[in-house]
């Protein structure tokens, strides 16, 4: 966990010239990897941000011209998100910065060790998620 926090802080520092935080980078990364628009609720679930924090970050990214929000034509309650042309153009530089930071933090690890660490951290994050209430008899 400490490594993940350290990596996020380093990403924040290196993304600062682009006026982005590591949290905003994660949103852009998810949208860049999506095939077409993504619903705001799916994005929120996928990265474990609460709705309020997500809305604030989306507002900032939209004001920077990196993402576009639009209502679903089928269900007006749904908000679709996608990268703008500017967001797609900025993505390779953002990814390069993040990979540089990740490589620095994983220096000296074998590929197997890096995968094992990723597995451990993923399980820790999954364990941190709220568990459904158990039915009582």
Foldseek 3Di string as FASTA:
>chain_A
DVLVVVLQVQLQVLCVVVVDHSVLLLLLVVQLPDDDWDWLVVSCVVVVDDPVVSVVSVVVCVVVQQKDWDADPVDRVIITMHGDPVNNVCNVVSVVSSVVSVCVSCPPPDPVRVVVVVVVVVVVVVVPDDDDDDDDD
